[in-house]
């Protein structure tokens, strides 16, 4: 599930950036924060799985 979500996120930005060039920095900041959030969630899930095993 998370893999497909991250893949859709990766395939999303180009068209998004092409559709709104003026707010490129804003969308970039939003995308980086989203990536940070997903990275954090992934590390938490990995730690949870390790603790369960």
PDB file of N, CA and C in Angstrom:
ATOM      1  N   UNK A   1       0.841  -1.213   0.000  1.00  0.00           N
ATOM      2  CA  UNK A   1       0.000   0.000   0.000  1.00  0.00           C
ATOM      3  C   UNK A   1       0.869   1.253   0.000  1.00  0.00           C
ATOM      4  N   UNK A   2       1.834   1.281   0.925  1.00  0.00           N
ATOM      5  CA  UNK A   2       2.720   2.442   1.009  1.00  0.00           C
ATOM      6  C   UNK A   2       3.584   2.590  -0.246  1.00  0.00           C
ATOM      7  N   UNK A   3       3.950   1.448  -0.819  1.00  0.00           N
ATOM      8  CA  UNK A   3       4.764   1.488  -2.038  1.00  0.00           C
ATOM      9  C   UNK A   3       3.997   2.132  -3.174  1.00  0.00           C
ATOM     10  N   UNK A   4       2.751   1.723  -3.360  1.00  0.00           N
ATOM     11  CA  UNK A   4       1.939   2.301  -4.438  1.00  0.00           C
ATOM     12  C   UNK A   4       1.697   3.775  -4.177  1.00  0.00           C
ATOM     13  N   UNK A   5       1.509   4.130  -2.890  1.00  0.00           N
ATOM     14  CA  UNK A   5       1.273   5.529  -2.543  1.00  0.00           C
ATOM     15  C   UNK A   5       2.497   6.376  -2.876  1.00  0.00           C
ATOM     16  N   UNK A   6       3.685   5.873  -2.488  1.00  0.00           N
ATOM     17  CA  UNK A   6       4.905   6.626  -2.776  1.00  0.00           C
ATOM     18  C   UNK A   6       5.160   6.695  -4.283  1.00  0.00           C
ATOM     19  N   UNK A   7       4.821   5.619  -5.001  1.00  0.00           N
ATOM     20  CA  UNK A   7       4.998   5.616  -6.453  1.00  0.00           C
ATOM     21  C   UNK A   7       4.094   6.650  -7.110  1.00  0.00           C
ATOM     22  N   UNK A   8       2.842   6.725  -6.638  1.00  0.00           N
ATOM     23  CA  UNK A   8       1.920   7.725  -7.191  1.00  0.00           C
ATOM     24  C   UNK A   8       2.419   9.127  -6.855  1.00  0.00           C
ATOM     25  N   UNK A   9       3.003   9.291  -5.661  1.00  0.00           N
ATOM     26  CA  UNK A   9       3.544  10.594  -5.275  1.00  0.00           C
ATOM     27  C   UNK A   9       4.714  10.964  -6.178  1.00  0.00           C
ATOM     28  N   UNK A  10       5.547   9.963  -6.490  1.00  0.00           N
ATOM     29  CA  UNK A  10       6.713  10.221  -7.340  1.00  0.00           C
ATOM     30  C   UNK A  10       6.287  10.583  -8.764  1.00  0.00           C
ATOM     31  N   UNK A  11       5.220   9.960  -9.228  1.00  0.00           N
ATOM     32  CA  UNK A  11       4.770  10.223 -10.596  1.00  0.00           C
ATOM     33  C   UNK A  11       3.903  11.471 -10.670  1.00  0.00           C
ATOM     34  N   UNK A  12       3.556  12.039  -9.517  1.00  0.00           N
ATOM     35  CA  UNK A  12       2.665  13.207  -9.483  1.00  0.00           C
ATOM     36  C   UNK A  12       3.374  14.532  -9.773  1.00  0.00           C
ATOM     37  N   UNK A  13       4.503  14.850  -9.106  1.00  0.00           N
ATOM     38  CA  UNK A  13       5.107  16.187  -9.163  1.00  0.00           C
ATOM     39  C   UNK A  13       5.292  16.826 -10.545  1.00  0.00           C
ATOM     40  N   UNK A  14       5.854  16.135 -11.554  1.00  0.00           N
ATOM     41  CA  UNK A  14       6.121  16.796 -12.841  1.00  0.00           C
ATOM     42  C   UNK A  14       4.913  17.532 -13.414  1.00  0.00           C
ATOM     43  N   UNK A  15       3.776  16.853 -13.507  1.00  0.00           N
ATOM     44  CA  UNK A  15       2.576  17.494 -14.053  1.00  0.00           C
ATOM     45  C   UNK A  15       2.115  18.609 -13.121  1.00  0.00           C
ATOM     46  N   UNK A  16       2.285  18.392 -11.826  1.00  0.00           N
ATOM     47  CA  UNK A  16       1.894  19.403 -10.842  1.00  0.00           C
ATOM     48  C   UNK A  16       2.731  20.662 -11.036  1.00  0.00           C
ATOM     49  N   UNK A  17       4.044  20.465 -11.184  1.00  0.00           N
ATOM     50  CA  UNK A  17       4.940  21.611 -11.372  1.00  0.00           C
ATOM     51  C   UNK A  17       4.652  22.310 -12.703  1.00  0.00           C
ATOM     52  N   UNK A  18       4.321  21.532 -13.728  1.00  0.00           N
ATOM     53  CA  UNK A  18       4.039  22.114 -15.034  1.00  0.00           C
ATOM     54  C   UNK A  18       2.752  22.921 -15.007  1.00  0.00           C
ATOM     55  N   UNK A  19       1.814  22.515 -14.163  1.00  0.00           N
ATOM     56  CA  UNK A  19       0.519  23.201 -14.125  1.00  0.00           C
ATOM     57  C   UNK A  19       0.595  24.492 -13.320  1.00  0.00           C
ATOM     58  N   UNK A  20       1.523  24.560 -12.335  1.00  0.00           N
ATOM     59  CA  UNK A  20       1.624  25.818 -11.571  1.00  0.00           C
ATOM     60  C   UNK A  20       3.070  26.232 -11.343  1.00  0.00           C
ATOM     61  N   UNK A  21       3.720  26.818 -12.369  1.00  0.00           N
ATOM     62  CA  UNK A  21       5.108  27.276 -12.240  1.00  0.00           C
ATOM     63  C   UNK A  21       5.329  28.407 -11.235  1.00  0.00           C
ATOM     64  N   UNK A  22       4.396  29.382 -11.071  1.00  0.00           N
ATOM     65  CA  UNK A  22       4.650  30.495 -10.147  1.00  0.00           C
ATOM     66  C   UNK A  22       4.841  30.042  -8.705  1.00  0.00           C
ATOM     67  N   UNK A  23       4.079  29.050  -8.275  1.00  0.00           N
ATOM     68  CA  UNK A  23       4.194  28.589  -6.885  1.00  0.00           C
ATOM     69  C   UNK A  23       5.050  27.333  -6.808  1.00  0.00           C
ATOM     70  N   UNK A  24       6.108  27.294  -7.607  1.00  0.00           N
ATOM     71  CA  UNK A  24       6.967  26.109  -7.662  1.00  0.00           C
ATOM     72  C   UNK A  24       7.654  25.862  -6.316  1.00  0.00           C
ATOM     73  N   UNK A  25       8.169  26.938  -5.719  1.00  0.00           N
ATOM     74  CA  UNK A  25       8.868  26.778  -4.439  1.00  0.00           C
ATOM     75  C   UNK A  25       7.914  26.271  -3.364  1.00  0.00           C
ATOM     76  N   UNK A  26       6.678  26.754  -3.387  1.00  0.00           N
ATOM     77  CA  UNK A  26       5.682  26.324  -2.401  1.00  0.00           C
ATOM     78  C   UNK A  26       5.385  24.837  -2.556  1.00  0.00           C
ATOM     79  N   UNK A  27       5.145  24.404  -3.794  1.00  0.00           N
ATOM     80  CA  UNK A  27       4.837  22.989  -4.033  1.00  0.00           C
ATOM     81  C   UNK A  27       6.052  22.112  -3.709  1.00  0.00           C
ATOM     82  N   UNK A  28       7.251  22.642  -3.973  1.00  0.00           N
ATOM     83  CA  UNK A  28       8.466  21.891  -3.648  1.00  0.00           C
ATOM     84  C   UNK A  28       8.582  21.702  -2.142  1.00  0.00           C
ATOM     85  N   UNK A  29       8.315  22.759  -1.389  1.00  0.00           N
ATOM     86  CA  UNK A  29       8.376  22.670   0.073  1.00  0.00           C
ATOM     87  C   UNK A  29       7.330  21.680   0.584  1.00  0.00           C
ATOM     88  N   UNK A  30       6.127  21.744  -0.012  1.00  0.00           N
ATOM     89  CA  UNK A  30       5.059  20.820   0.382  1.00  0.00           C
ATOM     90  C   UNK A  30       5.453  19.376   0.083  1.00  0.00           C
ATOM     91  N   UNK A  31       6.058  19.156  -1.089  1.00  0.00           N
ATOM     92  CA  UNK A  31       6.455  17.809  -1.490  1.00  0.00           C
ATOM     93  C   UNK A  31       7.556  17.271  -0.573  1.00  0.00           C
ATOM     94  N   UNK A  32       8.518  18.127  -0.220  1.00  0.00           N
ATOM     95  CA  UNK A  32       9.605  17.687   0.660  1.00  0.00           C
ATOM     96  C   UNK A  32       9.062  17.342   2.045  1.00  0.00           C
ATOM     97  N   UNK A  33       8.110  18.144   2.530  1.00  0.00           N
ATOM     98  CA  UNK A  33       7.515  17.849   3.834  1.00  0.00           C
ATOM     99  C   UNK A  33       6.733  16.536   3.773  1.00  0.00           C
ATOM    100  N   UNK A  34       6.062  16.299   2.642  1.00  0.00           N
ATOM    101  CA  UNK A  34       5.337  15.038   2.465  1.00  0.00           C
ATOM    102  C   UNK A  34       6.316  13.865   2.480  1.00  0.00           C
ATOM    103  N   UNK A  35       7.447  14.021   1.778  1.00  0.00           N
ATOM    104  CA  UNK A  35       8.452  12.959   1.742  1.00  0.00           C
ATOM    105  C   UNK A  35       8.993  12.691   3.142  1.00  0.00           C
ATOM    106  N   UNK A  36       9.220  13.779   3.897  1.00  0.00           N
ATOM    107  CA  UNK A  36       9.714  13.638   5.258  1.00  0.00           C
ATOM    108  C   UNK A  36       8.712  12.857   6.110  1.00  0.00           C
ATOM    109  N   UNK A  37       7.438  13.193   5.937  1.00  0.00           N
ATOM    110  CA  UNK A  37       6.382  12.526   6.703  1.00  0.00           C
ATOM    111  C   UNK A  37       6.347  11.039   6.370  1.00  0.00           C
ATOM    112  N   UNK A  38       6.417  10.699   5.066  1.00  0.00           N
ATOM    113  CA  UNK A  38       6.372   9.298   4.665  1.00  0.00           C
ATOM    114  C   UNK A  38       7.604   8.545   5.159  1.00  0.00           C
ATOM    115  N   UNK A  39       8.779   9.229   5.136  1.00  0.00           N
ATOM    116  CA  UNK A  39      10.006   8.606   5.639  1.00  0.00           C
ATOM    117  C   UNK A  39       9.875   8.308   7.127  1.00  0.00           C
ATOM    118  N   UNK A  40       9.312   9.266   7.868  1.00  0.00           N
ATOM    119  CA  UNK A  40       9.104   9.093   9.302  1.00  0.00           C
ATOM    120  C   UNK A  40       8.150   7.935   9.576  1.00  0.00           C
ATOM    121  N   UNK A  41       7.052   7.881   8.816  1.00  0.00           N
ATOM    122  CA  UNK A  41       6.080   6.809   8.987  1.00  0.00           C
ATOM    123  C   UNK A  41       6.717   5.454   8.662  1.00  0.00           C
ATOM    124  N   UNK A  42       7.547   5.422   7.616  1.00  0.00           N
ATOM    125  CA  UNK A  42       8.216   4.182   7.239  1.00  0.00           C
ATOM    126  C   UNK A  42       9.160   3.689   8.318  1.00  0.00           C
ATOM    127  N   UNK A  43       9.925   4.603   8.907  1.00  0.00           N
ATOM    128  CA  UNK A  43      10.861   4.210   9.971  1.00  0.00           C
ATOM    129  C   UNK A  43      10.098   3.714  11.193  1.00  0.00           C
ATOM    130  N   UNK A  44       8.978   4.381  11.508  1.00  0.00           N
ATOM    131  CA  UNK A  44       8.165   3.954  12.649  1.00  0.00           C
ATOM    132  C   UNK A  44       7.596   2.556  12.407  1.00  0.00           C
ATOM    133  N   UNK A  45       7.127   2.314  11.170  1.00  0.00           N
ATOM    134  CA  UNK A  45       6.577   0.991  10.839  1.00  0.00           C
ATOM    135  C   UNK A  45       7.668  -0.080  10.925  1.00  0.00           C
ATOM    136  N   UNK A  46       8.866   0.247  10.456  1.00  0.00           N
ATOM    137  CA  UNK A  46       9.967  -0.716  10.514  1.00  0.00           C
ATOM    138  C   UNK A  46      10.327  -1.032  11.960  1.00  0.00           C
ATOM    139  N   UNK A  47      10.401   0.000  12.793  1.00  0.00           N
ATOM    140  CA  UNK A  47      10.725  -0.215  14.204  1.00  0.00           C
ATOM    141  C   UNK A  47       9.643  -1.053  14.874  1.00  0.00           C
ATOM    142  N   UNK A  48       8.386  -0.784  14.544  1.00  0.00           N
ATOM    143  CA  UNK A  48       7.265  -1.542  15.119  1.00  0.00           C
ATOM    144  C   UNK A  48       7.348  -3.014  14.710  1.00  0.00           C
ATOM    145  N   UNK A  49       7.670  -3.262  13.446  1.00  0.00           N
ATOM    146  CA  UNK A  49       7.789  -4.637  12.961  1.00  0.00           C
ATOM    147  C   UNK A  49       8.946  -5.357  13.654  1.00  0.00           C
ATOM    148  N   UNK A  50      10.051  -4.645  13.878  1.00  0.00           N
ATOM    149  CA  UNK A  50      11.211  -5.257  14.541  1.00  0.00           C
ATOM    150  C   UNK A  50      10.868  -5.584  15.993  1.00  0.00           C
ATOM    151  N   UNK A  51      10.138  -4.687  16.652  1.00  0.00           N
ATOM    152  CA  UNK A  51       9.778  -4.907  18.042  1.00  0.00           C
ATOM    153  C   UNK A  51       8.805  -6.085  18.162  1.00  0.00           C
ATOM    154  N   UNK A  52       7.933  -6.245  17.181  1.00  0.00           N
ATOM    155  CA  UNK A  52       6.935  -7.318  17.217  1.00  0.00           C
ATOM    156  C   UNK A  52       7.599  -8.689  17.025  1.00  0.00           C
ATOM    157  N   UNK A  53       8.685  -8.724  16.254  1.00  0.00           N
ATOM    158  CA  UNK A  53       9.353  -9.999  15.987  1.00  0.00           C
ATOM    159  C   UNK A  53      10.297 -10.432  17.115  1.00  0.00           C
TER     160      UNK A  53
END
